[in-house]
Amino acid sequence: MRIRLRKSAEGAWLVPDAPGVPPALRRFLVERDAAAIPTVQRELFAEPTPFR
């Protein structure tokens, strides 16, 4: 599992991916880690990060 930072003029995105993982497991891992990202951000920055 990896999480990459993608930047553009409109903003920045954390993009979870699981290359080389079987498709059935890949979806679970990506969804699990994507759901955890806001929790980690809140704990690190002590305030919610805006999402669009």
C-alpha atoms as a PDB file:
ATOM      1  CA  MET A   1       0.000   0.000   0.000  1.00  0.00           C
ATOM      2  CA  ARG A   2       1.255   3.451  -0.854  1.00  0.00           C
ATOM      3  CA  ILE A   3      -0.197   6.926  -0.607  1.00  0.00           C
ATOM      4  CA  ARG A   4       1.105   9.497  -3.082  1.00  0.00           C
ATOM      5  CA  LEU A   5       0.727  13.272  -2.977  1.00  0.00           C
ATOM      6  CA  ARG A   6      -0.611  14.733  -6.222  1.00  0.00           C
ATOM      7  CA  LYS A   7      -0.369  18.533  -6.628  1.00  0.00           C
ATOM      8  CA  SER A   8      -1.911  20.851  -9.208  1.00  0.00           C
ATOM      9  CA  ALA A   9      -2.933  24.482  -9.509  1.00  0.00           C
ATOM     10  CA  GLU A  10      -6.334  23.575  -7.981  1.00  0.00           C
ATOM     11  CA  GLY A  11      -4.930  21.911  -4.853  1.00  0.00           C
ATOM     12  CA  ALA A  12      -3.291  18.777  -3.510  1.00  0.00           C
ATOM     13  CA  TRP A  13      -4.637  15.239  -3.156  1.00  0.00           C
ATOM     14  CA  LEU A  14      -3.540  12.151  -1.274  1.00  0.00           C
ATOM     15  CA  VAL A  15      -3.955   9.237  -3.683  1.00  0.00           C
ATOM     16  CA  PRO A  16      -3.996   5.738  -2.155  1.00  0.00           C
ATOM     17  CA  ASP A  17      -2.913   2.815  -4.355  1.00  0.00           C
ATOM     18  CA  ALA A  18      -2.002  -0.841  -3.888  1.00  0.00           C
ATOM     19  CA  PRO A  19      -0.092  -2.025  -6.953  1.00  0.00           C
ATOM     20  CA  GLY A  20       0.629  -5.730  -7.117  1.00  0.00           C
ATOM     21  CA  VAL A  21      -2.154  -6.625  -4.678  1.00  0.00           C
ATOM     22  CA  PRO A  22      -4.966  -8.930  -5.887  1.00  0.00           C
ATOM     23  CA  PRO A  23      -8.042  -6.879  -6.946  1.00  0.00           C
ATOM     24  CA  ALA A  24     -10.352  -8.216  -4.217  1.00  0.00           C
ATOM     25  CA  LEU A  25      -7.882  -7.251  -1.492  1.00  0.00           C
ATOM     26  CA  ARG A  26      -6.773  -4.021  -3.229  1.00  0.00           C
ATOM     27  CA  ARG A  27     -10.220  -2.426  -2.932  1.00  0.00           C
ATOM     28  CA  PHE A  28     -10.400  -3.239   0.778  1.00  0.00           C
ATOM     29  CA  LEU A  29      -6.919  -1.802   1.457  1.00  0.00           C
ATOM     30  CA  VAL A  30      -7.498   1.380  -0.542  1.00  0.00           C
ATOM     31  CA  GLU A  31     -10.900   2.035   1.078  1.00  0.00           C
ATOM     32  CA  ARG A  32      -9.572   1.295   4.570  1.00  0.00           C
ATOM     33  CA  ASP A  33      -6.602   3.627   4.204  1.00  0.00           C
ATOM     34  CA  ALA A  34      -8.634   6.338   2.452  1.00  0.00           C
ATOM     35  CA  ALA A  35     -11.055   6.300   5.404  1.00  0.00           C
ATOM     36  CA  ALA A  36      -8.153   6.610   7.872  1.00  0.00           C
ATOM     37  CA  ILE A  37      -6.569   9.665   6.200  1.00  0.00           C
ATOM     38  CA  PRO A  38      -8.988  12.244   7.736  1.00  0.00           C
ATOM     39  CA  THR A  39      -8.468  10.717  11.195  1.00  0.00           C
ATOM     40  CA  VAL A  40      -4.690  10.968  10.933  1.00  0.00           C
ATOM     41  CA  GLN A  41      -4.910  14.547   9.630  1.00  0.00           C
ATOM     42  CA  ARG A  42      -7.219  15.541  12.480  1.00  0.00           C
ATOM     43  CA  GLU A  43      -4.846  14.017  15.054  1.00  0.00           C
ATOM     44  CA  LEU A  44      -1.789  15.692  13.517  1.00  0.00           C
ATOM     45  CA  PHE A  45      -3.266  19.145  12.915  1.00  0.00           C
ATOM     46  CA  ALA A  46      -5.908  19.271  15.692  1.00  0.00           C
ATOM     47  CA  GLU A  47      -8.546  20.553  13.263  1.00  0.00           C
ATOM     48  CA  PRO A  48     -10.480  19.155  10.305  1.00  0.00           C
ATOM     49  CA  THR A  49      -8.959  19.467   6.859  1.00  0.00           C
ATOM     50  CA  PRO A  50     -11.363  20.772   4.209  1.00  0.00           C
ATOM     51  CA  PHE A  51     -12.429  18.202   1.627  1.00  0.00           C
ATOM     52  CA  ARG A  52     -14.031  18.829  -1.739  1.00  0.00           C
END
